[in-house]
Protein backbone atom coordinates (compact mmCIF):
# COMPACT_ATOMS: atom_id res chain seq x y z
CA MET A 1 -26.01 -5.67 16.14
CA LYS A 2 -23.14 -6.32 13.43
CA THR A 3 -25.66 -5.68 10.90
CA LEU A 4 -26.76 -2.24 12.11
CA HIS A 5 -23.03 -1.19 12.34
CA LEU A 6 -22.48 -2.15 8.74
CA LEU A 7 -25.77 -0.44 7.53
CA LEU A 8 -24.37 2.89 9.54
CA VAL A 9 -20.92 2.81 7.88
CA ILE A 10 -22.78 2.48 4.48
CA LEU A 11 -25.02 5.10 5.31
CA SER A 12 -22.81 7.48 6.92
CA SER A 13 -20.33 7.16 3.77
CA VAL A 14 -23.14 7.73 1.47
CA PHE A 15 -23.97 10.79 3.37
CA ILE A 16 -20.36 12.21 3.35
CA LEU A 17 -20.30 12.06 -0.36
CA GLY A 18 -22.82 14.99 -0.64
CA ASN A 19 -21.13 16.86 1.90
CA GLY A 20 -17.37 17.65 0.77
CA PHE A 21 -16.42 14.16 2.10
CA SER A 22 -12.44 14.07 1.74
CA ARG A 23 -12.18 16.98 3.96
CA ASN A 24 -14.32 15.85 6.77
CA LEU A 25 -12.73 12.55 7.19
CA PRO A 26 -9.80 12.22 9.45
CA ILE A 27 -6.33 11.61 8.00
CA SER A 28 -4.30 8.66 9.11
CA SER A 29 -0.66 8.57 9.24
CA PHE A 30 1.33 5.63 7.33
CA ASP A 31 2.30 3.75 10.60
CA GLU A 32 -1.26 4.18 11.88
CA GLY A 33 -2.73 2.54 9.05
CA TYR A 34 -0.27 0.95 6.68
CA SER A 35 2.87 -1.40 6.52
CA GLN A 36 5.56 -1.77 4.03
CA LEU A 37 4.54 -4.44 1.22
CA PHE A 38 7.85 -4.66 -0.71
CA GLY A 39 10.71 -2.84 -2.06
CA ASP A 40 13.19 -2.29 0.81
CA ASP A 41 14.46 1.30 0.76
CA ASN A 42 12.24 1.98 -2.28
CA LEU A 43 9.74 2.94 0.01
CA ILE A 44 10.64 6.20 2.29
CA VAL A 45 8.19 7.54 4.72
CA LEU A 46 8.45 11.20 5.10
CA LYS A 47 9.55 13.10 8.33
CA ASP A 48 5.74 14.18 8.64
CA GLY A 49 4.92 10.48 8.97
CA LYS A 50 1.74 11.05 6.42
CA SER A 51 3.73 10.98 3.42
CA VAL A 52 5.30 8.09 1.41
CA HIS A 53 7.49 7.64 -1.49
CA LEU A 54 7.30 4.87 -3.65
CA SER A 55 9.92 4.28 -6.35
CA LEU A 56 10.82 1.96 -9.11
CA ASP A 57 14.16 1.29 -10.15
CA GLU A 58 16.20 -1.42 -12.18
CA ARG A 59 16.13 -3.45 -8.97
CA THR A 60 12.82 -3.62 -7.60
CA GLY A 61 9.21 -1.70 -7.21
CA SER A 62 7.63 -0.80 -4.08
CA GLY A 63 4.40 -1.06 -2.20
CA PHE A 64 2.37 -0.92 0.97
CA VAL A 65 -0.56 -2.41 2.29
CA SER A 66 -3.14 -1.70 5.13
CA GLN A 67 -2.74 -3.18 8.34
CA ASP A 68 -6.29 -4.45 8.23
CA LEU A 69 -8.90 -6.23 6.27
CA TYR A 70 -12.18 -4.14 5.54
CA LEU A 71 -15.56 -5.01 4.40
CA HIS A 72 -17.10 -1.45 2.95
CA GLY A 73 -16.16 1.88 3.47
CA PHE A 74 -14.44 4.72 1.71
CA PHE A 75 -10.81 4.52 0.91
CA SER A 76 -8.42 7.59 -0.38
CA ALA A 77 -5.03 8.93 -0.91
CA SER A 78 -3.36 12.01 -2.72
CA ILE A 79 -1.14 10.94 -5.31
CA LYS A 80 1.54 13.01 -7.29
CA LEU A 81 2.55 10.72 -10.50
CA PRO A 82 6.19 10.79 -11.86
CA ALA A 83 7.04 13.18 -14.84
CA ASP A 84 8.87 12.81 -18.17
CA TYR A 85 9.46 9.48 -19.82
CA THR A 86 7.08 6.62 -17.92
CA ALA A 87 6.17 4.27 -20.36
CA GLY A 88 5.57 0.52 -18.83
CA VAL A 89 5.27 1.98 -15.28
CA VAL A 90 2.08 1.28 -13.41
CA VAL A 91 1.14 3.01 -10.07
CA ALA A 92 -1.74 1.02 -8.48
CA PHE A 93 -3.96 2.02 -5.63
CA TYR A 94 -6.54 -0.83 -5.05
CA MET A 95 -8.30 -3.16 -2.82
CA SER A 96 -7.67 -7.03 -2.76
CA ASN A 97 -8.27 -10.05 -0.86
CA GLY A 98 -6.28 -12.42 -3.18
CA ASP A 99 -3.76 -13.50 -0.18
CA VAL A 100 -6.70 -14.72 1.60
CA PHE A 101 -8.90 -16.04 -1.11
CA GLU A 102 -6.25 -17.30 -3.61
CA LYS A 103 -8.75 -19.11 -5.92
CA ASN A 104 -11.83 -16.73 -5.88
CA HIS A 105 -10.24 -13.32 -4.92
CA ASP A 106 -12.00 -9.64 -5.02
CA GLU A 107 -10.70 -6.79 -6.33
CA ILE A 108 -11.13 -2.92 -6.78
CA ASP A 109 -8.56 -1.16 -8.85
CA PHE A 110 -7.16 2.12 -9.69
CA GLU A 111 -4.46 1.57 -11.94
CA PHE A 112 -2.39 4.34 -13.35
CA LEU A 113 -0.65 3.83 -16.57
CA GLY A 114 2.38 5.52 -17.90
CA ASN A 115 3.21 6.93 -21.28
CA ILE A 116 6.09 7.96 -23.57
CA ARG A 117 7.31 11.60 -23.22
CA GLY A 118 4.79 14.08 -24.75
CA LYS A 119 1.79 11.68 -23.97
CA GLU A 120 -0.51 11.55 -21.10
CA TRP A 121 -0.85 9.20 -18.21
CA ARG A 122 -4.27 7.17 -18.25
CA ILE A 123 -6.19 6.13 -15.39
CA GLN A 124 -7.76 2.52 -15.27
CA THR A 125 -10.18 1.37 -13.12
CA ASN A 126 -11.76 -2.46 -12.76
CA ILE A 127 -13.42 -4.70 -10.42
CA TYR A 128 -13.19 -8.55 -9.87
CA GLY A 129 -15.38 -10.49 -7.74
CA ASN A 130 -15.10 -14.01 -6.82
CA GLY A 131 -12.28 -14.98 -8.99
CA SER A 132 -13.92 -13.63 -12.27
CA THR A 133 -10.79 -12.69 -13.94
CA LYS A 134 -11.75 -14.02 -17.15
CA VAL A 135 -14.65 -10.98 -17.44
CA GLY A 136 -12.44 -7.93 -17.31
CA ARG A 137 -14.53 -4.95 -16.62
CA GLU A 138 -12.13 -2.32 -17.13
CA GLU A 139 -12.34 1.59 -18.01
CA ARG A 140 -9.71 3.90 -19.03
CA TYR A 141 -9.72 7.53 -19.29
CA GLY A 142 -7.65 10.53 -19.64
CA LEU A 143 -7.44 13.38 -17.31
CA TRP A 144 -8.37 17.25 -17.21
CA PHE A 145 -5.03 17.88 -15.45
CA ASP A 146 -1.34 17.04 -15.23
CA PRO A 147 -1.09 14.39 -12.50
CA THR A 148 2.61 15.09 -12.23
CA ASP A 149 2.39 18.80 -11.33
CA ASP A 150 0.77 18.10 -8.09
CA TYR A 151 -1.21 15.88 -5.68
CA HIS A 152 -4.50 14.90 -6.63
CA ARG A 153 -7.13 12.77 -4.54
CA TYR A 154 -8.45 9.19 -5.74
CA SER A 155 -10.97 7.62 -3.35
CA ILE A 156 -12.98 4.52 -3.62
CA LEU A 157 -16.49 4.02 -1.91
CA TRP A 158 -17.48 0.33 -1.53
CA THR A 159 -20.99 -0.58 -0.08
CA HIS A 160 -23.25 -3.76 -0.38
CA SER A 161 -24.74 -2.39 -3.38
CA HIS A 162 -22.37 -0.07 -5.35
CA ILE A 163 -18.95 0.94 -5.88
CA ILE A 164 -17.99 4.57 -6.87
CA PHE A 165 -14.40 5.65 -8.18
CA TYR A 166 -13.58 9.51 -7.42
CA VAL A 167 -10.75 11.86 -8.75
CA ASP A 168 -10.70 15.16 -6.61
CA ASP A 169 -13.98 14.50 -5.19
CA ILE A 170 -15.55 13.87 -8.72
CA ALA A 171 -17.22 10.75 -9.57
CA ILE A 172 -15.93 9.26 -12.59
CA ARG A 173 -17.55 5.81 -12.61
CA GLU A 174 -20.41 4.04 -10.56
CA ILE A 175 -20.56 0.35 -10.50
CA LYS A 176 -24.31 -1.11 -9.18
CA ARG A 177 -24.80 -4.47 -7.88
CA THR A 178 -27.07 -6.36 -10.13
CA GLU A 179 -28.71 -9.90 -9.52
CA SER A 180 -27.29 -11.29 -12.67
CA MET A 181 -23.45 -10.35 -11.66
CA GLY A 182 -23.94 -12.89 -8.80
CA GLY A 183 -20.68 -13.38 -7.18
CA ASP A 184 -18.73 -11.13 -9.69
CA PHE A 185 -19.34 -8.12 -7.47
CA PRO A 186 -16.67 -7.73 -4.80
CA SER A 187 -18.30 -8.94 -1.32
CA LYS A 188 -15.51 -10.15 0.89
CA PRO A 189 -13.22 -8.33 2.96
CA MET A 190 -10.20 -6.76 1.35
CA THR A 191 -7.19 -5.08 2.26
CA LEU A 192 -5.75 -1.83 0.58
CA TYR A 193 -2.63 -1.79 -1.44
CA ALA A 194 -0.34 1.01 -3.03
CA THR A 195 2.26 -0.27 -5.45
CA ILE A 196 4.48 0.81 -8.26
CA TRP A 197 6.12 -1.44 -10.69
CA ASP A 198 7.31 -2.30 -14.17
CA ALA A 199 4.27 -3.50 -16.48
CA SER A 200 6.24 -3.10 -19.76
CA GLU A 201 4.46 -6.18 -21.28
CA TRP A 202 0.96 -4.44 -21.51
CA ALA A 203 0.60 -1.29 -19.83
CA THR A 204 1.66 1.37 -22.77
CA ASN A 205 0.39 0.59 -26.24
CA GLY A 206 -0.03 -3.08 -25.43
CA GLY A 207 3.65 -3.54 -24.83
CA LYS A 208 4.97 -1.75 -27.70
CA TYR A 209 6.98 0.88 -25.42
CA LYS A 210 8.86 -0.39 -22.20
CA VAL A 211 10.12 0.92 -19.26
CA ASN A 212 13.50 2.87 -19.85
CA TYR A 213 15.55 2.89 -16.65
CA LYS A 214 17.81 5.71 -17.57
CA TYR A 215 15.03 7.87 -16.46
CA ALA A 216 14.93 5.66 -13.08
CA PRO A 217 14.31 6.27 -10.36
CA TYR A 218 10.35 6.75 -11.04
CA VAL A 219 8.93 8.02 -7.56
CA ALA A 220 4.95 8.11 -7.20
CA GLU A 221 4.43 10.51 -4.14
CA PHE A 222 1.38 9.34 -1.50
CA SER A 223 -0.29 11.44 0.98
CA ASN A 224 -3.56 12.30 3.01
CA PHE A 225 -4.46 8.62 3.76
CA VAL A 226 -8.04 7.90 4.80
CA LEU A 227 -9.21 4.56 5.83
CA HIS A 228 -12.91 4.74 6.70
CA GLY A 229 -14.54 1.45 7.23
CA CYS A 230 -15.66 -1.64 8.93
CA THR A 231 -12.42 -3.79 9.92
CA VAL A 232 -12.86 -7.55 9.98
CA ASP A 233 -10.79 -10.05 11.97
CA PRO A 234 -8.46 -11.60 9.74
CA ILE A 235 -9.01 -14.98 11.28
CA GLU A 236 -12.72 -15.11 11.64
CA LEU A 237 -13.73 -13.01 8.79
CA THR A 238 -16.91 -12.54 10.36
CA SER A 239 -16.22 -10.45 13.13
CA MET A 240 -16.51 -6.46 12.13
CA LYS A 241 -15.48 -3.62 14.18
CA CYS A 242 -17.07 -0.76 12.60
CA GLU A 243 -16.17 3.10 13.25
CA ASP A 244 -19.07 5.08 15.50
CA MET A 245 -21.13 7.44 13.14
CA SER A 246 -23.31 10.49 14.22
CA LYS A 247 -26.65 10.17 12.65
CA PRO A 248 -26.88 12.28 9.93
CA ASN A 249 -29.99 14.60 9.16
CA SER A 250 -30.68 13.36 5.98
CA ILE A 251 -29.15 10.67 3.82
CA PRO A 252 -28.97 10.62 0.27
CA THR A 253 -29.76 7.45 -1.58
CA GLY A 254 -26.77 7.66 -3.85
CA ILE A 255 -25.00 10.17 -6.35
CA THR A 256 -26.93 13.39 -6.38
CA PRO A 257 -27.83 14.85 -9.76
CA SER A 258 -25.41 17.46 -9.71
CA GLN A 259 -22.87 14.82 -8.86
CA ARG A 260 -24.13 12.65 -11.74
CA ALA A 261 -23.91 15.53 -14.25
CA LYS A 262 -20.52 16.20 -13.54
CA MET A 263 -19.72 12.23 -13.95
CA GLU A 264 -21.49 12.55 -17.22
CA SER A 265 -19.50 15.35 -18.53
CA PHE A 266 -16.34 13.88 -17.20
CA ARG A 267 -16.90 10.45 -18.94
CA LYS A 268 -17.98 12.32 -22.34
CA LYS A 269 -15.18 14.23 -22.25
CA HIS A 270 -12.19 11.78 -21.01
CA MET A 271 -13.32 8.31 -21.14
CA GLN A 272 -11.26 6.13 -23.95
CA TYR A 273 -12.06 2.67 -23.09
CA SER A 274 -15.19 0.76 -21.40
CA TYR A 275 -15.59 -3.04 -21.46
CA CYS A 276 -19.28 -2.76 -22.14
CA TYR A 277 -18.72 -1.26 -26.03
CA ASP A 278 -15.88 -3.71 -26.66
CA LYS A 279 -16.97 -5.67 -29.58
CA ILE A 280 -13.80 -7.69 -29.94
CA ARG A 281 -13.84 -8.90 -26.26
CA TYR A 282 -17.47 -9.41 -25.75
CA LYS A 283 -20.11 -9.88 -28.62
CA THR A 284 -22.83 -9.49 -26.12
CA PRO A 285 -21.73 -6.98 -23.26
CA PRO A 286 -21.76 -8.26 -19.54
CA SER A 287 -25.23 -8.58 -18.23
CA GLU A 288 -24.88 -5.70 -15.87
CA CYS A 289 -24.02 -3.21 -18.87
CA VAL A 290 -26.22 -0.51 -19.42
CA ILE A 291 -25.50 0.70 -23.11
CA ASN A 292 -25.82 4.45 -23.63
CA PRO A 293 -26.06 4.95 -27.11
CA LYS A 294 -24.32 8.53 -27.08
CA GLU A 295 -21.39 6.85 -25.21
CA ALA A 296 -21.31 3.94 -27.82
CA GLU A 297 -20.99 6.25 -30.68
CA ARG A 298 -18.65 8.33 -28.93
CA LEU A 299 -16.42 5.44 -28.59
CA LYS A 300 -16.99 4.05 -31.63
CA LYS A 301 -15.45 7.28 -33.30
CA PHE A 302 -12.62 7.09 -31.17
CA ASP A 303 -11.59 3.46 -31.78
CA PRO A 304 -13.63 2.22 -34.65
CA VAL A 305 -12.26 -1.21 -34.49
CA THR A 306 -12.58 -2.11 -30.98
CA PHE A 307 -15.96 -0.47 -30.23
CA GLY A 308 -17.53 -0.64 -33.97
CA GLY A 309 -16.70 -4.47 -34.18
CA GLY A 310 -14.44 -4.15 -37.46
CA ARG A 311 -11.58 -6.42 -38.38
CA GLY A 312 -8.15 -5.71 -36.78
CA HIS A 313 -5.86 -6.84 -33.91
CA HIS A 314 -7.62 -8.41 -30.75
CA HIS A 315 -6.61 -6.16 -28.16
CA GLY A 316 -6.88 -9.21 -25.58
CA LYS A 317 -7.34 -8.77 -21.69
CA ARG A 318 -5.00 -6.44 -19.84
CA HIS A 319 -5.06 -6.92 -16.06
CA ARG A 320 -2.40 -6.82 -13.23
CA GLN A 321 0.36 -9.05 -13.03
CA ALA A 322 1.74 -10.48 -10.15
CA VAL A 323 4.60 -8.48 -8.31
CA ALA A 324 7.81 -10.31 -7.63
CA MET A 325 9.05 -10.06 -4.19
């Protein structure tokens, strides 16, 4: 029965993707789905109960965490990022189980990387499975809009076989589970997090530009929370409760051709980095990488050293550091 429930939530999530998914899912209030993680009064729940402001100042950042553990599902929030000078600031919307599996944790990450005045925010996506932090699977992108002007929706679909990242219901990255990935594909129950914090040591130009607190507080605004998946008992870790799903008339097997065309267009215009093409970090691409020659050539022109294998400064691995609480 548990297997059947899990299958239903996976299939229903995929069905929703082809049918304006974010408009059809229930919106949760903050108190229904989340609790404060850190930051004291740097986290403010607005009067409507469905919107939250996270701020970073010289004292601390802030964050919140879902009340439940989930194994697969669809997770989403509308986010408005801080404006003006934001170098060194990172806003993160991600899933993790590091508090439960300290030595072999999983992660699925959206990270928003601040910048100096006049330069745009960038998005970074990444996954870890079973503590595989030595193999960074980062990709970075620009955006076709200013994320500080208004709210935009950022979403994660996580199933047994694939992970898809979305911006405003447009798929920007698909990760398919392969046999060669083994435990590197996230497969254990995770909670959802949102944080804002000082990542001066790496976030902007490899740490060249730091957070400048004369522009503080930096405020990230969150709203329209969607938590749609199978909840897992935090003690047993095997007992699941899945939402009831109505049977769809037809269930797509993945991203539709029109969705894939939009994803490829986005990646062609906006992708700035992909680990699969980083010849400095990986002499041989990780086994799950499918090399697209046009993508490889485009990135090589964007950064000949990193993607062309020429001599230059080693960029090193850039992953989230622990937030002091």
